[in-house]
Amino acid sequence: MIRRIVEADSKAKELEEANRKAAEKEREKIDEEVKAIHQKYMDDAQNEIEKTATYLEKRTAKKLADAKAKQESTLIKLKSDYEQNRDRWVDEIFERVTN
Protein backbone atom coordinates (compact mmCIF):
# COMPACT_ATOMS: atom_id res chain seq x y z
CA MET A 1 0.00 0.00 0.00
CA ILE A 2 2.80 2.41 0.87
CA ARG A 3 4.50 1.55 -2.39
CA ARG A 4 1.30 2.49 -4.29
CA ILE A 5 1.11 5.77 -2.43
CA VAL A 6 4.77 6.49 -3.24
CA GLU A 7 4.19 5.54 -6.89
CA ALA A 8 1.07 7.72 -7.04
CA ASP A 9 3.04 10.56 -5.45
CA SER A 10 5.84 10.10 -8.01
CA LYS A 11 3.35 10.11 -10.88
CA ALA A 12 1.69 13.18 -9.45
CA LYS A 13 5.08 14.93 -9.23
CA GLU A 14 5.86 13.90 -12.83
CA LEU A 15 2.49 15.23 -14.01
CA GLU A 16 3.04 18.42 -12.03
CA GLU A 17 6.50 18.86 -13.61
CA ALA A 18 5.10 18.14 -17.09
CA ASN A 19 2.32 20.67 -16.51
CA ARG A 20 4.81 23.25 -15.24
CA LYS A 21 7.00 22.76 -18.34
CA ALA A 22 3.96 22.97 -20.62
CA ALA A 23 2.84 26.17 -18.89
CA GLU A 24 6.34 27.64 -19.21
CA LYS A 25 6.40 26.80 -22.94
CA GLU A 26 3.00 28.46 -23.36
CA ARG A 27 4.23 31.58 -21.54
CA GLU A 28 7.29 31.68 -23.79
CA LYS A 29 5.09 31.24 -26.86
CA ILE A 30 2.80 34.05 -25.71
CA ASP A 31 5.82 36.28 -25.01
CA GLU A 32 7.15 35.63 -28.53
CA GLU A 33 3.74 36.41 -30.04
CA VAL A 34 3.53 39.63 -28.03
CA LYS A 35 7.01 40.63 -29.22
CA ALA A 36 6.09 39.81 -32.83
CA ILE A 37 2.89 41.87 -32.61
CA HIS A 38 4.79 44.74 -31.01
CA GLN A 39 7.48 44.63 -33.70
CA LYS A 40 4.87 44.58 -36.47
CA TYR A 41 3.12 47.56 -34.88
CA MET A 42 6.42 49.43 -34.60
CA ASP A 43 7.33 48.60 -38.21
CA ASP A 44 3.93 49.80 -39.41
CA ALA A 45 4.29 52.98 -37.37
CA GLN A 46 7.78 53.60 -38.75
CA ASN A 47 6.51 53.13 -42.31
CA GLU A 48 3.70 55.58 -41.66
CA ILE A 49 6.15 58.10 -40.21
CA GLU A 50 8.37 57.78 -43.28
CA LYS A 51 5.39 58.25 -45.63
CA THR A 52 4.26 61.32 -43.70
CA ALA A 53 7.76 62.77 -43.62
CA THR A 54 8.11 62.30 -47.39
CA TYR A 55 4.73 63.94 -47.98
CA LEU A 56 5.61 66.87 -45.72
CA GLU A 57 8.99 67.34 -47.39
CA LYS A 58 7.36 67.44 -50.84
CA ARG A 59 4.66 69.83 -49.64
CA THR A 60 7.23 72.10 -48.01
CA ALA A 61 9.44 72.06 -51.12
CA LYS A 62 6.44 73.01 -53.28
CA LYS A 63 5.44 75.84 -50.94
CA LEU A 64 9.02 77.10 -50.93
CA ALA A 65 9.19 76.96 -54.73
CA ASP A 66 5.86 78.81 -54.97
CA ALA A 67 7.06 81.46 -52.52
CA LYS A 68 10.32 81.91 -54.45
CA ALA A 69 8.41 82.23 -57.73
CA LYS A 70 6.08 84.81 -56.18
CA GLN A 71 9.03 86.70 -54.73
CA GLU A 72 10.80 86.69 -58.11
CA SER A 73 7.63 87.89 -59.84
CA THR A 74 7.19 90.68 -57.30
CA LEU A 75 10.83 91.70 -57.66
CA ILE A 76 10.51 91.88 -61.45
CA LYS A 77 7.36 94.00 -61.12
CA LEU A 78 9.04 96.32 -58.61
CA LYS A 79 12.05 96.76 -60.88
CA SER A 80 9.77 97.45 -63.80
CA ASP A 81 7.76 100.00 -61.80
CA TYR A 82 10.99 101.62 -60.66
CA GLU A 83 12.34 101.89 -64.22
CA GLN A 84 9.06 103.34 -65.49
CA ASN A 85 8.48 105.79 -62.64
CA ARG A 86 11.83 106.71 -61.12
CA ASP A 87 12.09 110.14 -62.76
CA ARG A 88 8.52 111.03 -61.77
CA TRP A 89 9.11 109.71 -58.21
CA VAL A 90 12.34 111.68 -57.84
CA ASP A 91 10.60 114.83 -59.04
CA GLU A 92 7.65 114.23 -56.71
CA ILE A 93 9.90 113.60 -53.70
CA PHE A 94 11.90 116.72 -54.54
CA GLU A 95 8.70 118.75 -54.77
CA ARG A 96 7.41 117.49 -51.43
CA VAL A 97 10.68 118.12 -49.67
CA THR A 98 11.20 121.58 -51.05
CA ASN A 99 7.61 122.79 -50.52
C-alpha atoms as a PDB file:
ATOM      1  CA  MET A   1       0.000   0.000   0.000  1.00  0.00           C
ATOM      2  CA  ILE A   2       2.796   2.414   0.873  1.00  0.00           C
ATOM      3  CA  ARG A   3       4.500   1.549  -2.392  1.00  0.00           C
ATOM      4  CA  ARG A   4       1.299   2.486  -4.289  1.00  0.00           C
ATOM      5  CA  ILE A   5       1.114   5.772  -2.425  1.00  0.00           C
ATOM      6  CA  VAL A   6       4.772   6.489  -3.243  1.00  0.00           C
ATOM      7  CA  GLU A   7       4.192   5.536  -6.895  1.00  0.00           C
ATOM      8  CA  ALA A   8       1.070   7.724  -7.044  1.00  0.00           C
ATOM      9  CA  ASP A   9       3.044  10.559  -5.451  1.00  0.00           C
ATOM     10  CA  SER A  10       5.840  10.103  -8.010  1.00  0.00           C
ATOM     11  CA  LYS A  11       3.354  10.113 -10.882  1.00  0.00           C
ATOM     12  CA  ALA A  12       1.686  13.178  -9.446  1.00  0.00           C
ATOM     13  CA  LYS A  13       5.080  14.934  -9.235  1.00  0.00           C
ATOM     14  CA  GLU A  14       5.861  13.896 -12.830  1.00  0.00           C
ATOM     15  CA  LEU A  15       2.494  15.235 -14.011  1.00  0.00           C
ATOM     16  CA  GLU A  16       3.037  18.420 -12.034  1.00  0.00           C
ATOM     17  CA  GLU A  17       6.497  18.862 -13.607  1.00  0.00           C
ATOM     18  CA  ALA A  18       5.100  18.144 -17.087  1.00  0.00           C
ATOM     19  CA  ASN A  19       2.316  20.675 -16.514  1.00  0.00           C
ATOM     20  CA  ARG A  20       4.808  23.251 -15.239  1.00  0.00           C
ATOM     21  CA  LYS A  21       6.997  22.755 -18.336  1.00  0.00           C
ATOM     22  CA  ALA A  22       3.965  22.972 -20.622  1.00  0.00           C
ATOM     23  CA  ALA A  23       2.836  26.166 -18.888  1.00  0.00           C
ATOM     24  CA  GLU A  24       6.339  27.640 -19.213  1.00  0.00           C
ATOM     25  CA  LYS A  25       6.397  26.797 -22.940  1.00  0.00           C
ATOM     26  CA  GLU A  26       2.998  28.457 -23.360  1.00  0.00           C
ATOM     27  CA  ARG A  27       4.227  31.581 -21.535  1.00  0.00           C
ATOM     28  CA  GLU A  28       7.292  31.685 -23.790  1.00  0.00           C
ATOM     29  CA  LYS A  29       5.089  31.240 -26.865  1.00  0.00           C
ATOM     30  CA  ILE A  30       2.803  34.049 -25.709  1.00  0.00           C
ATOM     31  CA  ASP A  31       5.819  36.284 -25.010  1.00  0.00           C
ATOM     32  CA  GLU A  32       7.146  35.626 -28.526  1.00  0.00           C
ATOM     33  CA  GLU A  33       3.743  36.411 -30.043  1.00  0.00           C
ATOM     34  CA  VAL A  34       3.533  39.626 -28.029  1.00  0.00           C
ATOM     35  CA  LYS A  35       7.010  40.626 -29.221  1.00  0.00           C
ATOM     36  CA  ALA A  36       6.089  39.813 -32.831  1.00  0.00           C
ATOM     37  CA  ILE A  37       2.891  41.872 -32.607  1.00  0.00           C
ATOM     38  CA  HIS A  38       4.790  44.738 -31.005  1.00  0.00           C
ATOM     39  CA  GLN A  39       7.481  44.628 -33.695  1.00  0.00           C
ATOM     40  CA  LYS A  40       4.865  44.580 -36.466  1.00  0.00           C
ATOM     41  CA  TYR A  41       3.124  47.557 -34.877  1.00  0.00           C
ATOM     42  CA  MET A  42       6.420  49.430 -34.598  1.00  0.00           C
ATOM     43  CA  ASP A  43       7.331  48.595 -38.210  1.00  0.00           C
ATOM     44  CA  ASP A  44       3.934  49.802 -39.414  1.00  0.00           C
ATOM     45  CA  ALA A  45       4.286  52.978 -37.369  1.00  0.00           C
ATOM     46  CA  GLN A  46       7.779  53.604 -38.754  1.00  0.00           C
ATOM     47  CA  ASN A  47       6.507  53.132 -42.309  1.00  0.00           C
ATOM     48  CA  GLU A  48       3.695  55.585 -41.657  1.00  0.00           C
ATOM     49  CA  ILE A  49       6.154  58.103 -40.210  1.00  0.00           C
ATOM     50  CA  GLU A  50       8.365  57.779 -43.281  1.00  0.00           C
ATOM     51  CA  LYS A  51       5.390  58.254 -45.635  1.00  0.00           C
ATOM     52  CA  THR A  52       4.259  61.315 -43.699  1.00  0.00           C
ATOM     53  CA  ALA A  53       7.764  62.775 -43.623  1.00  0.00           C
ATOM     54  CA  THR A  54       8.108  62.302 -47.388  1.00  0.00           C
ATOM     55  CA  TYR A  55       4.729  63.935 -47.978  1.00  0.00           C
ATOM     56  CA  LEU A  56       5.609  66.874 -45.721  1.00  0.00           C
ATOM     57  CA  GLU A  57       8.991  67.335 -47.388  1.00  0.00           C
ATOM     58  CA  LYS A  58       7.360  67.439 -50.835  1.00  0.00           C
ATOM     59  CA  ARG A  59       4.657  69.830 -49.645  1.00  0.00           C
ATOM     60  CA  THR A  60       7.233  72.102 -48.008  1.00  0.00           C
ATOM     61  CA  ALA A  61       9.436  72.061 -51.119  1.00  0.00           C
ATOM     62  CA  LYS A  62       6.437  73.015 -53.280  1.00  0.00           C
ATOM     63  CA  LYS A  63       5.443  75.840 -50.939  1.00  0.00           C
ATOM     64  CA  LEU A  64       9.021  77.097 -50.932  1.00  0.00           C
ATOM     65  CA  ALA A  65       9.191  76.960 -54.729  1.00  0.00           C
ATOM     66  CA  ASP A  66       5.860  78.807 -54.965  1.00  0.00           C
ATOM     67  CA  ALA A  67       7.060  81.455 -52.516  1.00  0.00           C
ATOM     68  CA  LYS A  68      10.323  81.913 -54.450  1.00  0.00           C
ATOM     69  CA  ALA A  69       8.408  82.228 -57.725  1.00  0.00           C
ATOM     70  CA  LYS A  70       6.079  84.807 -56.183  1.00  0.00           C
ATOM     71  CA  GLN A  71       9.035  86.701 -54.733  1.00  0.00           C
ATOM     72  CA  GLU A  72      10.798  86.692 -58.114  1.00  0.00           C
ATOM     73  CA  SER A  73       7.629  87.888 -59.841  1.00  0.00           C
ATOM     74  CA  THR A  74       7.191  90.678 -57.305  1.00  0.00           C
ATOM     75  CA  LEU A  75      10.833  91.704 -57.662  1.00  0.00           C
ATOM     76  CA  ILE A  76      10.513  91.875 -61.448  1.00  0.00           C
ATOM     77  CA  LYS A  77       7.362  94.001 -61.118  1.00  0.00           C
ATOM     78  CA  LEU A  78       9.039  96.317 -58.605  1.00  0.00           C
ATOM     79  CA  LYS A  79      12.054  96.760 -60.876  1.00  0.00           C
ATOM     80  CA  SER A  80       9.765  97.452 -63.801  1.00  0.00           C
ATOM     81  CA  ASP A  81       7.760  99.996 -61.798  1.00  0.00           C
ATOM     82  CA  TYR A  82      10.987 101.620 -60.664  1.00  0.00           C
ATOM     83  CA  GLU A  83      12.338 101.887 -64.221  1.00  0.00           C
ATOM     84  CA  GLN A  84       9.063 103.340 -65.488  1.00  0.00           C
ATOM     85  CA  ASN A  85       8.479 105.790 -62.640  1.00  0.00           C
ATOM     86  CA  ARG A  86      11.830 106.713 -61.122  1.00  0.00           C
ATOM     87  CA  ASP A  87      12.089 110.138 -62.756  1.00  0.00           C
ATOM     88  CA  ARG A  88       8.518 111.029 -61.766  1.00  0.00           C
ATOM     89  CA  TRP A  89       9.107 109.710 -58.214  1.00  0.00           C
ATOM     90  CA  VAL A  90      12.338 111.680 -57.839  1.00  0.00           C
ATOM     91  CA  ASP A  91      10.598 114.832 -59.035  1.00  0.00           C
ATOM     92  CA  GLU A  92       7.652 114.231 -56.709  1.00  0.00           C
ATOM     93  CA  ILE A  93       9.900 113.597 -53.703  1.00  0.00           C
ATOM     94  CA  PHE A  94      11.902 116.717 -54.535  1.00  0.00           C
ATOM     95  CA  GLU A  95       8.701 118.747 -54.773  1.00  0.00           C
ATOM     96  CA  ARG A  96       7.407 117.493 -51.433  1.00  0.00           C
ATOM     97  CA  VAL A  97      10.677 118.116 -49.668  1.00  0.00           C
ATOM     98  CA  THR A  98      11.196 121.584 -51.051  1.00  0.00           C
ATOM     99  CA  ASN A  99       7.610 122.790 -50.518  1.00  0.00           C
END
